[in-house]
Amino acid sequence: MPTSDHALLGQLSSNSLPYRDPLAVIDWAALDVHGFWLPEPALSLYGLPEYEALAPEVKRRLSQYEFINVMQAGLVARAVVPATPVAAARGGLAPTLRVLKSRGLKPRL
């Protein structure tokens, strides 16, 4: 192999990080379960008179439900189309589902 190929391979190796499951890095105890999980302008009902009539607690809960639905859609998309060939080789969604289940969560796909 020419020297330039060795240099490129060396640079790629040094810039690569080992895979870390993002769910394993989250500090689950620090999550704020009492606040908005999406900004109000991002909510589907925001700006409608019906939204303004909702109680603050209902608005907060709506933000949490909509956030959960967005995350669930991302998990389903990842299961259907793995993001990279490496993810496909690692079993697609299986590692993520194992972490969710180990934390007592029940993902609905």
N, C-alpha and C. Protein backbone atom coordinates (compact mmCIF):
# COMPACT_ATOMS: atom_id res chain seq x y z
N MET A 1 0.84 -1.18 0.00
CA MET A 1 0.00 0.00 0.00
C MET A 1 0.89 1.25 0.00
N PRO A 2 0.57 2.24 -0.85
CA PRO A 2 1.39 3.45 -0.86
C PRO A 2 1.30 4.19 0.48
N THR A 3 2.32 5.02 0.73
CA THR A 3 2.40 5.75 1.99
C THR A 3 1.20 6.66 2.20
N SER A 4 0.67 7.27 1.12
CA SER A 4 -0.47 8.18 1.27
C SER A 4 -1.70 7.42 1.77
N ASP A 5 -1.86 6.14 1.34
CA ASP A 5 -2.97 5.33 1.83
C ASP A 5 -2.82 5.04 3.33
N HIS A 6 -1.58 4.77 3.74
CA HIS A 6 -1.34 4.52 5.17
C HIS A 6 -1.65 5.77 5.99
N ALA A 7 -1.28 6.92 5.47
CA ALA A 7 -1.54 8.18 6.18
C ALA A 7 -3.04 8.41 6.30
N LEU A 8 -3.77 8.16 5.20
CA LEU A 8 -5.22 8.34 5.23
C LEU A 8 -5.87 7.37 6.21
N LEU A 9 -5.46 6.11 6.17
CA LEU A 9 -6.01 5.12 7.10
C LEU A 9 -5.70 5.49 8.55
N GLY A 10 -4.50 5.98 8.78
CA GLY A 10 -4.13 6.41 10.13
C GLY A 10 -4.99 7.57 10.61
N GLN A 11 -5.24 8.53 9.72
CA GLN A 11 -6.08 9.68 10.09
C GLN A 11 -7.51 9.24 10.35
N LEU A 12 -8.05 8.38 9.49
CA LEU A 12 -9.42 7.89 9.69
C LEU A 12 -9.53 7.12 11.00
N SER A 13 -8.54 6.31 11.32
CA SER A 13 -8.58 5.55 12.57
C SER A 13 -8.52 6.47 13.78
N SER A 14 -7.69 7.50 13.71
CA SER A 14 -7.57 8.39 14.87
C SER A 14 -8.81 9.26 15.05
N ASN A 15 -9.54 9.52 13.97
CA ASN A 15 -10.75 10.35 14.06
C ASN A 15 -12.00 9.53 14.38
N SER A 16 -11.90 8.23 14.33
CA SER A 16 -13.06 7.38 14.61
C SER A 16 -13.20 7.17 16.10
N LEU A 17 -14.42 7.21 16.56
CA LEU A 17 -14.70 6.94 17.97
C LEU A 17 -15.38 5.59 18.09
N PRO A 18 -15.14 4.88 19.17
CA PRO A 18 -15.86 3.62 19.36
C PRO A 18 -17.35 3.90 19.57
N TYR A 19 -18.18 3.00 19.13
CA TYR A 19 -19.63 3.17 19.25
C TYR A 19 -20.04 3.18 20.71
N ARG A 20 -20.88 4.15 21.07
CA ARG A 20 -21.48 4.20 22.41
C ARG A 20 -22.97 4.39 22.23
N ASP A 21 -23.74 3.51 22.83
CA ASP A 21 -25.19 3.61 22.73
C ASP A 21 -25.63 4.90 23.41
N PRO A 22 -26.31 5.81 22.68
CA PRO A 22 -26.70 7.09 23.26
C PRO A 22 -27.62 6.93 24.47
N LEU A 23 -28.43 5.88 24.51
CA LEU A 23 -29.32 5.70 25.65
C LEU A 23 -28.56 5.34 26.93
N ALA A 24 -27.38 4.77 26.77
CA ALA A 24 -26.58 4.41 27.94
C ALA A 24 -25.88 5.63 28.53
N VAL A 25 -25.79 6.73 27.77
CA VAL A 25 -25.07 7.92 28.22
C VAL A 25 -26.01 8.90 28.94
N ILE A 26 -27.30 8.76 28.73
CA ILE A 26 -28.27 9.70 29.31
C ILE A 26 -28.36 9.50 30.82
N ASP A 27 -28.36 10.60 31.54
CA ASP A 27 -28.57 10.56 32.99
C ASP A 27 -30.08 10.56 33.20
N TRP A 28 -30.66 9.37 33.28
CA TRP A 28 -32.12 9.24 33.35
C TRP A 28 -32.70 9.88 34.60
N ALA A 29 -31.95 9.91 35.68
CA ALA A 29 -32.45 10.49 36.93
C ALA A 29 -32.55 12.01 36.84
N ALA A 30 -31.82 12.62 35.91
CA ALA A 30 -31.81 14.08 35.81
C ALA A 30 -32.89 14.62 34.86
N LEU A 31 -33.67 13.73 34.23
CA LEU A 31 -34.70 14.20 33.31
C LEU A 31 -35.77 14.98 34.05
N ASP A 32 -36.21 16.08 33.45
CA ASP A 32 -37.25 16.93 34.04
C ASP A 32 -38.61 16.43 33.57
N VAL A 33 -39.31 15.75 34.45
CA VAL A 33 -40.63 15.23 34.08
C VAL A 33 -41.75 16.22 34.38
N HIS A 34 -41.38 17.37 34.93
CA HIS A 34 -42.40 18.36 35.31
C HIS A 34 -42.40 19.58 34.40
N GLY A 35 -41.59 19.59 33.36
CA GLY A 35 -41.51 20.74 32.46
C GLY A 35 -41.97 20.39 31.06
N PHE A 36 -41.92 21.39 30.19
CA PHE A 36 -42.23 21.19 28.78
C PHE A 36 -41.08 20.43 28.14
N TRP A 37 -41.38 19.46 27.30
CA TRP A 37 -40.35 18.69 26.61
C TRP A 37 -40.14 19.22 25.20
N LEU A 38 -41.06 19.99 24.69
CA LEU A 38 -40.92 20.70 23.42
C LEU A 38 -41.28 22.16 23.69
N PRO A 39 -40.67 23.09 22.97
CA PRO A 39 -41.08 24.49 23.14
C PRO A 39 -42.52 24.66 22.66
N GLU A 40 -43.25 25.53 23.31
CA GLU A 40 -44.67 25.69 22.96
C GLU A 40 -44.90 25.97 21.48
N PRO A 41 -44.10 26.83 20.83
CA PRO A 41 -44.35 27.07 19.39
C PRO A 41 -44.22 25.82 18.52
N ALA A 42 -43.59 24.77 19.01
CA ALA A 42 -43.43 23.53 18.24
C ALA A 42 -44.62 22.60 18.38
N LEU A 43 -45.56 22.92 19.26
CA LEU A 43 -46.71 22.03 19.49
C LEU A 43 -47.75 22.19 18.40
N SER A 44 -48.44 21.10 18.11
CA SER A 44 -49.39 21.07 16.99
C SER A 44 -50.55 22.04 17.18
N LEU A 45 -50.98 22.28 18.40
CA LEU A 45 -52.13 23.15 18.64
C LEU A 45 -51.76 24.60 18.92
N TYR A 46 -50.47 24.88 19.02
CA TYR A 46 -50.03 26.22 19.38
C TYR A 46 -50.58 27.27 18.40
N GLY A 47 -51.06 28.37 18.96
CA GLY A 47 -51.60 29.45 18.14
C GLY A 47 -53.09 29.35 17.89
N LEU A 48 -53.68 28.23 18.22
CA LEU A 48 -55.12 28.06 18.04
C LEU A 48 -55.85 28.50 19.31
N PRO A 49 -57.08 28.99 19.18
CA PRO A 49 -57.84 29.37 20.37
C PRO A 49 -58.01 28.20 21.34
N GLU A 50 -58.13 27.00 20.81
CA GLU A 50 -58.30 25.82 21.65
C GLU A 50 -57.07 25.60 22.55
N TYR A 51 -55.88 25.90 21.99
CA TYR A 51 -54.66 25.74 22.78
C TYR A 51 -54.62 26.75 23.92
N GLU A 52 -55.01 27.98 23.62
CA GLU A 52 -55.00 29.02 24.65
C GLU A 52 -55.97 28.70 25.78
N ALA A 53 -57.02 27.94 25.48
CA ALA A 53 -58.03 27.60 26.49
C ALA A 53 -57.57 26.46 27.41
N LEU A 54 -56.51 25.76 27.02
CA LEU A 54 -56.03 24.63 27.83
C LEU A 54 -55.37 25.11 29.11
N ALA A 55 -55.49 24.32 30.15
CA ALA A 55 -54.80 24.60 31.41
C ALA A 55 -53.29 24.40 31.22
N PRO A 56 -52.48 25.12 31.97
CA PRO A 56 -51.02 24.97 31.83
C PRO A 56 -50.54 23.52 31.98
N GLU A 57 -51.14 22.77 32.89
CA GLU A 57 -50.76 21.37 33.08
C GLU A 57 -51.06 20.54 31.83
N VAL A 58 -52.17 20.81 31.17
CA VAL A 58 -52.54 20.08 29.95
C VAL A 58 -51.59 20.45 28.81
N LYS A 59 -51.19 21.72 28.72
CA LYS A 59 -50.23 22.15 27.69
C LYS A 59 -48.90 21.44 27.90
N ARG A 60 -48.46 21.36 29.14
CA ARG A 60 -47.20 20.68 29.44
C ARG A 60 -47.27 19.21 29.06
N ARG A 61 -48.37 18.57 29.41
CA ARG A 61 -48.54 17.14 29.11
C ARG A 61 -48.62 16.92 27.59
N LEU A 62 -49.27 17.83 26.88
CA LEU A 62 -49.32 17.75 25.42
C LEU A 62 -47.91 17.80 24.85
N SER A 63 -47.06 18.67 25.38
CA SER A 63 -45.68 18.75 24.89
C SER A 63 -44.95 17.45 25.11
N GLN A 64 -45.23 16.78 26.23
CA GLN A 64 -44.57 15.51 26.51
C GLN A 64 -45.07 14.41 25.57
N TYR A 65 -46.38 14.35 25.35
CA TYR A 65 -46.92 13.35 24.43
C TYR A 65 -46.39 13.55 23.01
N GLU A 66 -46.34 14.79 22.57
CA GLU A 66 -45.86 15.04 21.21
C GLU A 66 -44.37 14.72 21.09
N PHE A 67 -43.59 15.01 22.13
CA PHE A 67 -42.17 14.65 22.11
C PHE A 67 -42.00 13.14 22.02
N ILE A 68 -42.76 12.41 22.83
CA ILE A 68 -42.69 10.95 22.82
C ILE A 68 -43.05 10.41 21.44
N ASN A 69 -44.07 10.98 20.80
CA ASN A 69 -44.46 10.52 19.47
C ASN A 69 -43.37 10.78 18.44
N VAL A 70 -42.69 11.91 18.53
CA VAL A 70 -41.60 12.21 17.61
C VAL A 70 -40.46 11.20 17.81
N MET A 71 -40.13 10.94 19.07
CA MET A 71 -39.05 9.98 19.35
C MET A 71 -39.43 8.58 18.88
N GLN A 72 -40.68 8.19 19.09
CA GLN A 72 -41.14 6.87 18.66
C GLN A 72 -41.06 6.76 17.14
N ALA A 73 -41.43 7.82 16.43
CA ALA A 73 -41.34 7.80 14.97
C ALA A 73 -39.88 7.63 14.53
N GLY A 74 -38.96 8.27 15.25
CA GLY A 74 -37.54 8.11 14.94
C GLY A 74 -37.06 6.70 15.16
N LEU A 75 -37.52 6.07 16.25
CA LEU A 75 -37.14 4.68 16.50
C LEU A 75 -37.68 3.74 15.44
N VAL A 76 -38.91 3.96 15.02
CA VAL A 76 -39.50 3.12 13.98
C VAL A 76 -38.73 3.31 12.68
N ALA A 77 -38.42 4.56 12.34
CA ALA A 77 -37.67 4.82 11.11
C ALA A 77 -36.30 4.15 11.17
N ARG A 78 -35.67 4.20 12.33
CA ARG A 78 -34.37 3.57 12.49
C ARG A 78 -34.48 2.06 12.35
N ALA A 79 -35.58 1.49 12.82
CA ALA A 79 -35.76 0.04 12.71
C ALA A 79 -35.99 -0.37 11.27
N VAL A 80 -36.69 0.47 10.53
CA VAL A 80 -37.01 0.14 9.14
C VAL A 80 -35.81 0.37 8.24
N VAL A 81 -35.13 1.50 8.43
CA VAL A 81 -33.98 1.86 7.61
C VAL A 81 -32.83 2.19 8.56
N PRO A 82 -31.95 1.25 8.85
CA PRO A 82 -30.81 1.56 9.72
C PRO A 82 -30.01 2.72 9.16
N ALA A 83 -29.52 3.59 10.06
CA ALA A 83 -28.84 4.81 9.65
C ALA A 83 -27.57 4.53 8.86
N THR A 84 -26.85 3.49 9.17
CA THR A 84 -25.59 3.20 8.51
C THR A 84 -25.45 1.70 8.33
N PRO A 85 -24.59 1.29 7.44
CA PRO A 85 -24.33 -0.15 7.32
C PRO A 85 -23.81 -0.75 8.63
N VAL A 86 -23.08 0.06 9.42
CA VAL A 86 -22.56 -0.43 10.69
C VAL A 86 -23.72 -0.73 11.63
N ALA A 87 -24.73 0.17 11.67
CA ALA A 87 -25.90 -0.06 12.52
C ALA A 87 -26.64 -1.31 12.07
N ALA A 88 -26.72 -1.50 10.76
CA ALA A 88 -27.40 -2.69 10.24
C ALA A 88 -26.65 -3.96 10.66
N ALA A 89 -25.33 -3.88 10.61
CA ALA A 89 -24.52 -5.04 11.00
C ALA A 89 -24.64 -5.33 12.48
N ARG A 90 -24.92 -4.31 13.28
CA ARG A 90 -25.05 -4.49 14.73
C ARG A 90 -26.44 -4.94 15.14
N GLY A 91 -27.32 -5.11 14.21
CA GLY A 91 -28.65 -5.61 14.55
C GLY A 91 -29.73 -4.56 14.51
N GLY A 92 -29.49 -3.42 13.84
CA GLY A 92 -30.53 -2.40 13.71
C GLY A 92 -30.96 -1.85 15.05
N LEU A 93 -32.21 -2.02 15.38
CA LEU A 93 -32.81 -1.44 16.58
C LEU A 93 -32.65 -2.31 17.82
N ALA A 94 -32.23 -3.53 17.67
CA ALA A 94 -32.19 -4.47 18.79
C ALA A 94 -31.41 -3.93 20.00
N PRO A 95 -30.20 -3.35 19.84
CA PRO A 95 -29.49 -2.85 21.03
C PRO A 95 -30.26 -1.75 21.75
N THR A 96 -30.89 -0.86 21.00
CA THR A 96 -31.65 0.22 21.61
C THR A 96 -32.85 -0.32 22.37
N LEU A 97 -33.55 -1.28 21.79
CA LEU A 97 -34.70 -1.87 22.47
C LEU A 97 -34.28 -2.58 23.76
N ARG A 98 -33.13 -3.25 23.74
CA ARG A 98 -32.65 -3.92 24.95
C ARG A 98 -32.42 -2.90 26.07
N VAL A 99 -31.83 -1.75 25.74
CA VAL A 99 -31.57 -0.72 26.76
C VAL A 99 -32.88 -0.17 27.29
N LEU A 100 -33.84 0.11 26.40
CA LEU A 100 -35.13 0.63 26.84
C LEU A 100 -35.82 -0.36 27.77
N LYS A 101 -35.82 -1.63 27.40
CA LYS A 101 -36.47 -2.65 28.23
C LYS A 101 -35.74 -2.83 29.56
N SER A 102 -34.42 -2.71 29.56
CA SER A 102 -33.67 -2.86 30.82
C SER A 102 -33.96 -1.72 31.79
N ARG A 103 -34.45 -0.60 31.26
CA ARG A 103 -34.80 0.54 32.10
C ARG A 103 -36.29 0.55 32.47
N GLY A 104 -36.97 -0.55 32.15
CA GLY A 104 -38.38 -0.68 32.52
C GLY A 104 -39.32 0.02 31.56
N LEU A 105 -38.82 0.51 30.42
CA LEU A 105 -39.67 1.18 29.44
C LEU A 105 -40.23 0.14 28.48
N LYS A 106 -41.42 0.38 27.99
CA LYS A 106 -42.06 -0.56 27.07
C LYS A 106 -42.32 0.16 25.75
N PRO A 107 -41.35 0.12 24.82
CA PRO A 107 -41.54 0.79 23.54
C PRO A 107 -42.64 0.11 22.73
N ARG A 108 -43.48 0.91 22.11
CA ARG A 108 -44.54 0.38 21.25
C ARG A 108 -44.16 0.70 19.82
N LEU A 109 -43.83 -0.31 19.05
CA LEU A 109 -43.46 -0.10 17.65
C LEU A 109 -44.55 -0.59 16.74
